[in-house]
Amino acid sequence: MPRRITVVTAVHAPSAHFLPDAYASLCRQELPAGWDWHWVVQEDGHSDEVAPHVPDDARVTFRQGRPGGPGVARTMALAHADGAYVKILDADDQLPPGTLVRDLAALEADRTLGWATSRALDLLPDGSTVGFPGDPAPGPVERGAVLDFWTAHDYRAQVHPATLFVRRGLLLALGGWMALPASEDTGLLLALNATSRGWFSSEVGLLYRKWPGQATGQASHTDAAERDARMTVVAARARELASFNWRYTATD
């Protein structure tokens, strides 16, 4: 398999103008000799508003499709994931320098790790950043630890799903992202942790942009009835996977 990291980005028209910033953050990444990255940008829909913001770079693949939400767009992007690892980068977010090399080093050093996450900072409209309290200690995240914490803390995980770096084979085996209108990335994170150990880096690995148009800031995202339904199916999936007692170890 190519020594490549596929960076997957779901985008829709309102967030497309942030793509150049995401691209610039990718270009600042340094990887070990022999490794490269491939950025797959998948529009959630089919418009004329996204393509003008996609960089002209041979390392960038742009595709469009039927609208279905960010989880569907990311899963469709996996058709073009041709490397050993997949990294998530939302269209409006940025990767600080050093993020990819740290994620890669963690998983290359330990074949029992299926995924990695890192510290995230909110990037505010004025350019300042704000951290999150309660980050776990850096190092391994044991199987089941994310579900236990998430259940005990009002459905908030101790690691941020938007920072995810994952082995491509494991991601495909779990079916990609959940078919949910939101929390699809949390559902994937819990499924990954139900089947494999992970890693947390205390170095900042994501600048999570806060802006008025982001999907998680809309009223529909916090609708109580829908949120309860999402959390129910996310937890049920993770518990069922854990009950199989399947322990993932990379073999490639």
C-alpha atoms as a PDB file:
ATOM      1  CA  MET A   1       0.000   0.000   0.000  1.00  0.00           C
ATOM      2  CA  PRO A   2       1.333   3.496  -0.811  1.00  0.00           C
ATOM      3  CA  ARG A   3       3.051   5.331   2.021  1.00  0.00           C
ATOM      4  CA  ARG A   4       0.426   8.012   1.851  1.00  0.00           C
ATOM      5  CA  ILE A   5      -1.984   9.824   4.150  1.00  0.00           C
ATOM      6  CA  THR A   6      -5.348  10.564   2.558  1.00  0.00           C
ATOM      7  CA  VAL A   7      -6.786  13.734   4.050  1.00  0.00           C
ATOM      8  CA  VAL A   8     -10.587  13.674   3.721  1.00  0.00           C
ATOM      9  CA  THR A   9     -12.632  16.861   3.679  1.00  0.00           C
ATOM     10  CA  ALA A  10     -16.396  17.221   3.349  1.00  0.00           C
ATOM     11  CA  VAL A  11     -17.462  20.647   2.108  1.00  0.00           C
ATOM     12  CA  HIS A  12     -20.632  22.494   1.190  1.00  0.00           C
ATOM     13  CA  ALA A  13     -21.070  25.890  -0.400  1.00  0.00           C
ATOM     14  CA  PRO A  14     -21.195  28.021   2.809  1.00  0.00           C
ATOM     15  CA  SER A  15     -17.830  26.677   4.022  1.00  0.00           C
ATOM     16  CA  ALA A  16     -16.042  26.548   0.668  1.00  0.00           C
ATOM     17  CA  HIS A  17     -14.283  29.892   1.107  1.00  0.00           C
ATOM     18  CA  PHE A  18     -12.316  28.401   4.013  1.00  0.00           C
ATOM     19  CA  LEU A  19     -10.703  25.747   1.794  1.00  0.00           C
ATOM     20  CA  PRO A  20      -7.612  27.853   0.941  1.00  0.00           C
ATOM     21  CA  ASP A  21      -6.801  28.149   4.650  1.00  0.00           C
ATOM     22  CA  ALA A  22      -7.173  24.393   5.115  1.00  0.00           C
ATOM     23  CA  TYR A  23      -4.930  23.826   2.074  1.00  0.00           C
ATOM     24  CA  ALA A  24      -2.273  26.213   3.391  1.00  0.00           C
ATOM     25  CA  SER A  25      -2.210  24.302   6.672  1.00  0.00           C
ATOM     26  CA  LEU A  26      -1.701  21.056   4.742  1.00  0.00           C
ATOM     27  CA  CYS A  27       1.174  22.548   2.783  1.00  0.00           C
ATOM     28  CA  ARG A  28       2.909  23.406   6.060  1.00  0.00           C
ATOM     29  CA  GLN A  29       2.974  19.727   7.088  1.00  0.00           C
ATOM     30  CA  GLU A  30       6.298  17.891   6.924  1.00  0.00           C
ATOM     31  CA  LEU A  31       6.407  14.109   6.553  1.00  0.00           C
ATOM     32  CA  PRO A  32       9.193  11.537   6.760  1.00  0.00           C
ATOM     33  CA  ALA A  33      11.053  10.676   3.566  1.00  0.00           C
ATOM     34  CA  GLY A  34       8.976   8.451   1.311  1.00  0.00           C
ATOM     35  CA  TRP A  35       5.630   9.630   2.704  1.00  0.00           C
ATOM     36  CA  ASP A  36       3.184  12.051   1.079  1.00  0.00           C
ATOM     37  CA  TRP A  37      -0.398  13.248   1.438  1.00  0.00           C
ATOM     38  CA  HIS A  38      -3.398  13.226  -0.899  1.00  0.00           C
ATOM     39  CA  TRP A  39      -6.249  15.633  -0.183  1.00  0.00           C
ATOM     40  CA  VAL A  40      -9.714  14.415  -1.204  1.00  0.00           C
ATOM     41  CA  VAL A  41     -12.296  17.212  -1.126  1.00  0.00           C
ATOM     42  CA  GLN A  42     -15.854  15.901  -1.453  1.00  0.00           C
ATOM     43  CA  GLU A  43     -18.686  18.366  -1.928  1.00  0.00           C
ATOM     44  CA  ASP A  44     -21.891  17.444  -0.112  1.00  0.00           C
ATOM     45  CA  GLY A  45     -24.040  18.255  -3.123  1.00  0.00           C
ATOM     46  CA  HIS A  46     -23.450  19.532  -6.629  1.00  0.00           C
ATOM     47  CA  SER A  47     -23.070  23.293  -7.020  1.00  0.00           C
ATOM     48  CA  ASP A  48     -20.885  25.793  -8.857  1.00  0.00           C
ATOM     49  CA  GLU A  49     -19.818  27.459  -5.605  1.00  0.00           C
ATOM     50  CA  VAL A  50     -17.153  25.084  -4.264  1.00  0.00           C
ATOM     51  CA  ALA A  51     -14.867  24.329  -7.212  1.00  0.00           C
ATOM     52  CA  PRO A  52     -13.451  27.895  -7.489  1.00  0.00           C
ATOM     53  CA  HIS A  53     -12.004  27.511  -3.973  1.00  0.00           C
ATOM     54  CA  VAL A  54     -10.330  24.123  -4.579  1.00  0.00           C
ATOM     55  CA  PRO A  55      -6.554  24.526  -5.103  1.00  0.00           C
ATOM     56  CA  ASP A  56      -5.013  23.565  -8.421  1.00  0.00           C
ATOM     57  CA  ASP A  57      -2.619  20.931  -7.130  1.00  0.00           C
ATOM     58  CA  ALA A  58      -1.966  17.404  -8.384  1.00  0.00           C
ATOM     59  CA  ARG A  59      -2.200  16.214  -4.780  1.00  0.00           C
ATOM     60  CA  VAL A  60      -5.829  17.397  -4.554  1.00  0.00           C
ATOM     61  CA  THR A  61      -8.848  15.436  -5.787  1.00  0.00           C
ATOM     62  CA  PHE A  62     -12.234  17.187  -5.951  1.00  0.00           C
ATOM     63  CA  ARG A  63     -15.497  15.283  -6.301  1.00  0.00           C
ATOM     64  CA  GLN A  64     -19.213  16.085  -5.978  1.00  0.00           C
ATOM     65  CA  GLY A  65     -22.265  13.994  -5.196  1.00  0.00           C
ATOM     66  CA  ARG A  66     -25.805  13.843  -3.901  1.00  0.00           C
ATOM     67  CA  PRO A  67     -26.278  15.787  -0.650  1.00  0.00           C
ATOM     68  CA  GLY A  68     -26.429  13.564   2.410  1.00  0.00           C
ATOM     69  CA  GLY A  69     -24.501  15.360   5.122  1.00  0.00           C
ATOM     70  CA  PRO A  70     -20.807  15.380   6.035  1.00  0.00           C
ATOM     71  CA  GLY A  71     -20.690  11.710   7.028  1.00  0.00           C
ATOM     72  CA  VAL A  72     -21.962  10.615   3.627  1.00  0.00           C
ATOM     73  CA  ALA A  73     -19.542  12.970   1.852  1.00  0.00           C
ATOM     74  CA  ARG A  74     -16.557  11.651   3.828  1.00  0.00           C
ATOM     75  CA  THR A  75     -17.545   8.038   3.231  1.00  0.00           C
ATOM     76  CA  MET A  76     -17.900   8.693  -0.505  1.00  0.00           C
ATOM     77  CA  ALA A  77     -14.435  10.278  -0.434  1.00  0.00           C
ATOM     78  CA  LEU A  78     -13.018   6.947   0.727  1.00  0.00           C
ATOM     79  CA  ALA A  79     -13.397   5.727  -2.859  1.00  0.00           C
ATOM     80  CA  HIS A  80     -10.270   7.804  -3.536  1.00  0.00           C
ATOM     81  CA  ALA A  81      -8.390   6.985  -0.322  1.00  0.00           C
ATOM     82  CA  ASP A  82      -5.337   5.214  -1.669  1.00  0.00           C
ATOM     83  CA  GLY A  83      -2.971   5.293   1.289  1.00  0.00           C
ATOM     84  CA  ALA A  84      -2.398   3.459   4.528  1.00  0.00           C
ATOM     85  CA  TYR A  85      -3.965   6.155   6.690  1.00  0.00           C
ATOM     86  CA  VAL A  86      -6.882   8.579   6.604  1.00  0.00           C
ATOM     87  CA  LYS A  87      -6.858  11.973   8.312  1.00  0.00           C
ATOM     88  CA  ILE A  88      -9.976  14.072   8.856  1.00  0.00           C
ATOM     89  CA  LEU A  89      -9.883  17.792   8.097  1.00  0.00           C
ATOM     90  CA  ASP A  90     -13.139  19.709   7.996  1.00  0.00           C
ATOM     91  CA  ALA A  91     -13.299  22.436   5.358  1.00  0.00           C
ATOM     92  CA  ASP A  92     -13.344  25.257   7.902  1.00  0.00           C
ATOM     93  CA  ASP A  93     -10.557  23.882  10.136  1.00  0.00           C
ATOM     94  CA  GLN A  94      -6.761  23.937   9.997  1.00  0.00           C
ATOM     95  CA  LEU A  95      -3.918  21.581  10.944  1.00  0.00           C
ATOM     96  CA  PRO A  96      -1.086  23.154  12.958  1.00  0.00           C
ATOM     97  CA  PRO A  97       2.432  22.303  11.728  1.00  0.00           C
ATOM     98  CA  GLY A  98       3.627  18.900  12.886  1.00  0.00           C
ATOM     99  CA  THR A  99       0.197  17.315  13.201  1.00  0.00           C
ATOM    100  CA  LEU A 100       0.503  14.652  10.506  1.00  0.00           C
ATOM    101  CA  VAL A 101       4.003  13.559  11.462  1.00  0.00           C
ATOM    102  CA  ARG A 102       2.986  13.081  15.113  1.00  0.00           C
ATOM    103  CA  ASP A 103      -0.105  11.060  14.212  1.00  0.00           C
ATOM    104  CA  LEU A 104       1.889   8.943  11.795  1.00  0.00           C
ATOM    105  CA  ALA A 105       4.701   8.314  14.272  1.00  0.00           C
ATOM    106  CA  ALA A 106       2.276   7.101  16.949  1.00  0.00           C
ATOM    107  CA  LEU A 107       0.611   4.492  14.740  1.00  0.00           C
ATOM    108  CA  GLU A 108       3.758   3.398  12.942  1.00  0.00           C
ATOM    109  CA  ALA A 109       5.375   2.693  16.320  1.00  0.00           C
ATOM    110  CA  ASP A 110       2.559   0.513  17.708  1.00  0.00           C
ATOM    111  CA  ARG A 111       0.560  -1.871  15.525  1.00  0.00           C
ATOM    112  CA  THR A 112      -2.071  -2.342  18.244  1.00  0.00           C
ATOM    113  CA  LEU A 113      -3.174   1.285  17.821  1.00  0.00           C
ATOM    114  CA  GLY A 114      -5.957   1.777  15.300  1.00  0.00           C
ATOM    115  CA  TRP A 115      -6.364   5.530  15.507  1.00  0.00           C
ATOM    116  CA  ALA A 116      -4.946   8.728  16.966  1.00  0.00           C
ATOM    117  CA  THR A 117      -6.369  12.028  18.194  1.00  0.00           C
ATOM    118  CA  SER A 118      -4.848  15.216  19.511  1.00  0.00           C
ATOM    119  CA  ARG A 119      -5.576  18.380  21.430  1.00  0.00           C
ATOM    120  CA  ALA A 120      -7.899  20.856  19.701  1.00  0.00           C
ATOM    121  CA  LEU A 121      -8.274  24.601  20.074  1.00  0.00           C
ATOM    122  CA  ASP A 122     -11.271  26.685  19.067  1.00  0.00           C
ATOM    123  CA  LEU A 123     -10.261  29.263  16.458  1.00  0.00           C
ATOM    124  CA  LEU A 124     -12.397  32.349  17.074  1.00  0.00           C
ATOM    125  CA  PRO A 125     -13.403  34.947  14.449  1.00  0.00           C
ATOM    126  CA  ASP A 126     -10.841  37.446  15.768  1.00  0.00           C
ATOM    127  CA  GLY A 127      -8.015  34.932  15.253  1.00  0.00           C
ATOM    128  CA  SER A 128      -7.556  34.081  18.925  1.00  0.00           C
ATOM    129  CA  THR A 129      -7.726  30.520  20.215  1.00  0.00           C
ATOM    130  CA  VAL A 130      -9.363  28.906  23.237  1.00  0.00           C
ATOM    131  CA  GLY A 131      -8.555  25.488  24.672  1.00  0.00           C
ATOM    132  CA  PHE A 132     -10.777  22.813  26.160  1.00  0.00           C
ATOM    133  CA  PRO A 133     -10.511  21.725  29.811  1.00  0.00           C
ATOM    134  CA  GLY A 134     -10.123  18.103  30.773  1.00  0.00           C
ATOM    135  CA  ASP A 135      -7.787  16.725  28.118  1.00  0.00           C
ATOM    136  CA  PRO A 136      -6.634  13.204  29.004  1.00  0.00           C
ATOM    137  CA  ALA A 137      -3.014  12.361  29.695  1.00  0.00           C
ATOM    138  CA  PRO A 138      -1.003  11.897  26.499  1.00  0.00           C
ATOM    139  CA  GLY A 139      -0.510   8.317  25.421  1.00  0.00           C
ATOM    140  CA  PRO A 140      -2.670   5.273  24.743  1.00  0.00           C
ATOM    141  CA  VAL A 141      -6.468   5.392  24.998  1.00  0.00           C
ATOM    142  CA  GLU A 142      -7.586   1.897  25.988  1.00  0.00           C
ATOM    143  CA  ARG A 143     -10.547   0.101  24.437  1.00  0.00           C
ATOM    144  CA  GLY A 144     -13.857   1.272  25.875  1.00  0.00           C
ATOM    145  CA  ALA A 145     -12.412   4.338  27.593  1.00  0.00           C
ATOM    146  CA  VAL A 146     -14.064   6.810  25.241  1.00  0.00           C
ATOM    147  CA  LEU A 147     -17.538   5.281  25.614  1.00  0.00           C
ATOM    148  CA  ASP A 148     -17.217   5.208  29.410  1.00  0.00           C
ATOM    149  CA  PHE A 149     -16.185   8.870  29.561  1.00  0.00           C
ATOM    150  CA  TRP A 150     -18.755   9.955  26.970  1.00  0.00           C
ATOM    151  CA  THR A 151     -21.577   8.219  28.864  1.00  0.00           C
ATOM    152  CA  ALA A 152     -20.568   9.792  32.179  1.00  0.00           C
ATOM    153  CA  HIS A 153     -20.123  13.336  30.792  1.00  0.00           C
ATOM    154  CA  ASP A 154     -23.369  14.149  28.958  1.00  0.00           C
ATOM    155  CA  TYR A 155     -22.254  12.663  25.642  1.00  0.00           C
ATOM    156  CA  ARG A 156     -18.973  14.566  25.450  1.00  0.00           C
ATOM    157  CA  ALA A 157     -15.861  12.579  24.626  1.00  0.00           C
ATOM    158  CA  GLN A 158     -12.499  13.322  26.212  1.00  0.00           C
ATOM    159  CA  VAL A 159     -10.877  13.385  22.755  1.00  0.00           C
ATOM    160  CA  HIS A 160     -12.128  15.366  19.748  1.00  0.00           C
ATOM    161  CA  PRO A 161     -13.440  13.318  16.780  1.00  0.00           C
ATOM    162  CA  ALA A 162     -12.492  16.078  14.330  1.00  0.00           C
ATOM    163  CA  THR A 163      -8.802  15.364  15.096  1.00  0.00           C
ATOM    164  CA  LEU A 164      -9.057  11.732  13.993  1.00  0.00           C
ATOM    165  CA  PHE A 165      -6.216   9.937  12.194  1.00  0.00           C
ATOM    166  CA  VAL A 166      -7.045   6.298  11.441  1.00  0.00           C
ATOM    167  CA  ARG A 167      -5.821   3.209   9.656  1.00  0.00           C
ATOM    168  CA  ARG A 168      -7.649   3.006   6.339  1.00  0.00           C
ATOM    169  CA  GLY A 169      -8.425  -0.717   6.647  1.00  0.00           C
ATOM    170  CA  LEU A 170     -10.022  -0.330  10.057  1.00  0.00           C
ATOM    171  CA  LEU A 171     -12.074   2.646   8.881  1.00  0.00           C
ATOM    172  CA  LEU A 172     -13.394   0.663   5.923  1.00  0.00           C
ATOM    173  CA  ALA A 173     -14.122  -2.402   8.080  1.00  0.00           C
ATOM    174  CA  LEU A 174     -16.376  -0.258  10.283  1.00  0.00           C
ATOM    175  CA  GLY A 175     -18.220   1.175   7.283  1.00  0.00           C
ATOM    176  CA  GLY A 176     -16.934   4.731   7.486  1.00  0.00           C
ATOM    177  CA  TRP A 177     -19.101   7.347   9.169  1.00  0.00           C
ATOM    178  CA  MET A 178     -22.520   6.698  10.630  1.00  0.00           C
ATOM    179  CA  ALA A 179     -25.649   7.557   8.613  1.00  0.00           C
ATOM    180  CA  LEU A 180     -26.741  10.304  10.998  1.00  0.00           C
ATOM    181  CA  PRO A 181     -27.632  13.979  10.446  1.00  0.00           C
ATOM    182  CA  ALA A 182     -24.992  14.910  13.042  1.00  0.00           C
ATOM    183  CA  SER A 183     -22.664  13.206  15.547  1.00  0.00           C
ATOM    184  CA  GLU A 184     -21.548  10.882  12.758  1.00  0.00           C
ATOM    185  CA  ASP A 185     -17.913  11.553  13.690  1.00  0.00           C
ATOM    186  CA  THR A 186     -18.560  10.795  17.365  1.00  0.00           C
ATOM    187  CA  GLY A 187     -20.261   7.557  16.326  1.00  0.00           C
ATOM    188  CA  LEU A 188     -17.184   6.553  14.353  1.00  0.00           C
ATOM    189  CA  LEU A 189     -14.859   7.473  17.222  1.00  0.00           C
ATOM    190  CA  LEU A 190     -16.795   5.299  19.676  1.00  0.00           C
ATOM    191  CA  ALA A 191     -16.893   2.416  17.198  1.00  0.00           C
ATOM    192  CA  LEU A 192     -13.146   2.659  16.705  1.00  0.00           C
ATOM    193  CA  ASN A 193     -12.535   2.668  20.439  1.00  0.00           C
ATOM    194  CA  ALA A 194     -14.824  -0.340  20.876  1.00  0.00           C
ATOM    195  CA  THR A 195     -12.543  -2.361  18.619  1.00  0.00           C
ATOM    196  CA  SER A 196      -9.070  -0.910  19.048  1.00  0.00           C
ATOM    197  CA  ARG A 197      -6.746   1.075  21.243  1.00  0.00           C
ATOM    198  CA  GLY A 198      -6.086   4.672  20.288  1.00  0.00           C
ATOM    199  CA  TRP A 199      -3.643   7.452  21.011  1.00  0.00           C
ATOM    200  CA  PHE A 200      -3.929  11.001  22.320  1.00  0.00           C
ATOM    201  CA  SER A 201      -1.314  13.682  21.717  1.00  0.00           C
ATOM    202  CA  SER A 202      -1.282  16.687  24.035  1.00  0.00           C
ATOM    203  CA  GLU A 203       0.245  18.776  21.245  1.00  0.00           C
ATOM    204  CA  VAL A 204      -2.313  20.924  19.423  1.00  0.00           C
ATOM    205  CA  GLY A 205      -3.435  19.025  16.331  1.00  0.00           C
ATOM    206  CA  LEU A 206      -6.457  21.047  15.204  1.00  0.00           C
ATOM    207  CA  LEU A 207      -7.674  24.619  14.997  1.00  0.00           C
ATOM    208  CA  TYR A 208     -11.453  24.204  15.125  1.00  0.00           C
ATOM    209  CA  ARG A 209     -12.982  27.289  13.546  1.00  0.00           C
ATOM    210  CA  LYS A 210     -16.010  28.860  15.202  1.00  0.00           C
ATOM    211  CA  TRP A 211     -18.184  30.871  12.831  1.00  0.00           C
ATOM    212  CA  PRO A 212     -21.898  31.643  12.498  1.00  0.00           C
ATOM    213  CA  GLY A 213     -22.543  29.344   9.539  1.00  0.00           C
ATOM    214  CA  GLN A 214     -21.071  26.129  10.919  1.00  0.00           C
ATOM    215  CA  ALA A 215     -23.461  23.193  11.133  1.00  0.00           C
ATOM    216  CA  THR A 216     -22.866  22.528  14.828  1.00  0.00           C
ATOM    217  CA  GLY A 217     -23.958  26.076  15.613  1.00  0.00           C
ATOM    218  CA  GLN A 218     -27.453  25.683  14.165  1.00  0.00           C
ATOM    219  CA  ALA A 219     -30.571  25.160  16.294  1.00  0.00           C
ATOM    220  CA  SER A 220     -31.328  21.833  14.617  1.00  0.00           C
ATOM    221  CA  HIS A 221     -28.066  20.423  15.962  1.00  0.00           C
ATOM    222  CA  THR A 222     -29.244  20.811  19.560  1.00  0.00           C
ATOM    223  CA  ASP A 223     -32.848  19.661  19.115  1.00  0.00           C
ATOM    224  CA  ALA A 224     -33.363  17.519  22.221  1.00  0.00           C
ATOM    225  CA  ALA A 225     -35.408  14.724  20.662  1.00  0.00           C
ATOM    226  CA  GLU A 226     -33.055  14.270  17.727  1.00  0.00           C
ATOM    227  CA  ARG A 227     -29.996  14.483  19.970  1.00  0.00           C
ATOM    228  CA  ASP A 228     -31.358  11.752  22.232  1.00  0.00           C
ATOM    229  CA  ALA A 229     -32.011   9.521  19.228  1.00  0.00           C
ATOM    230  CA  ARG A 230     -28.525  10.118  17.831  1.00  0.00           C
ATOM    231  CA  MET A 231     -26.870   9.372  21.135  1.00  0.00           C
ATOM    232  CA  THR A 232     -28.947   6.217  21.603  1.00  0.00           C
ATOM    233  CA  VAL A 233     -27.879   4.691  18.294  1.00  0.00           C
ATOM    234  CA  VAL A 234     -24.243   5.831  18.699  1.00  0.00           C
ATOM    235  CA  ALA A 235     -24.011   4.137  22.104  1.00  0.00           C
ATOM    236  CA  ALA A 236     -25.835   1.001  20.964  1.00  0.00           C
ATOM    237  CA  ARG A 237     -23.463   0.517  18.038  1.00  0.00           C
ATOM    238  CA  ALA A 238     -20.389   0.911  20.222  1.00  0.00           C
ATOM    239  CA  ARG A 239     -21.691  -1.520  22.836  1.00  0.00           C
ATOM    240  CA  GLU A 240     -22.599  -4.137  20.240  1.00  0.00           C
ATOM    241  CA  LEU A 241     -19.159  -3.894  18.674  1.00  0.00           C
ATOM    242  CA  ALA A 242     -17.533  -4.215  22.086  1.00  0.00           C
ATOM    243  CA  SER A 243     -19.601  -7.328  22.824  1.00  0.00           C
ATOM    244  CA  PHE A 244     -17.985  -9.101  19.857  1.00  0.00           C
ATOM    245  CA  ASN A 245     -14.638  -8.721  21.660  1.00  0.00           C
ATOM    246  CA  TRP A 246     -12.895  -8.130  18.349  1.00  0.00           C
ATOM    247  CA  ARG A 247      -9.452  -6.668  19.034  1.00  0.00           C
ATOM    248  CA  TYR A 248      -7.859  -4.933  16.105  1.00  0.00           C
ATOM    249  CA  THR A 249      -4.145  -5.226  15.370  1.00  0.00           C
ATOM    250  CA  ALA A 250      -2.674  -3.942  12.130  1.00  0.00           C
ATOM    251  CA  THR A 251      -1.169  -6.617   9.929  1.00  0.00           C
ATOM    252  CA  ASP A 252       0.073  -4.609   6.942  1.00  0.00           C
END
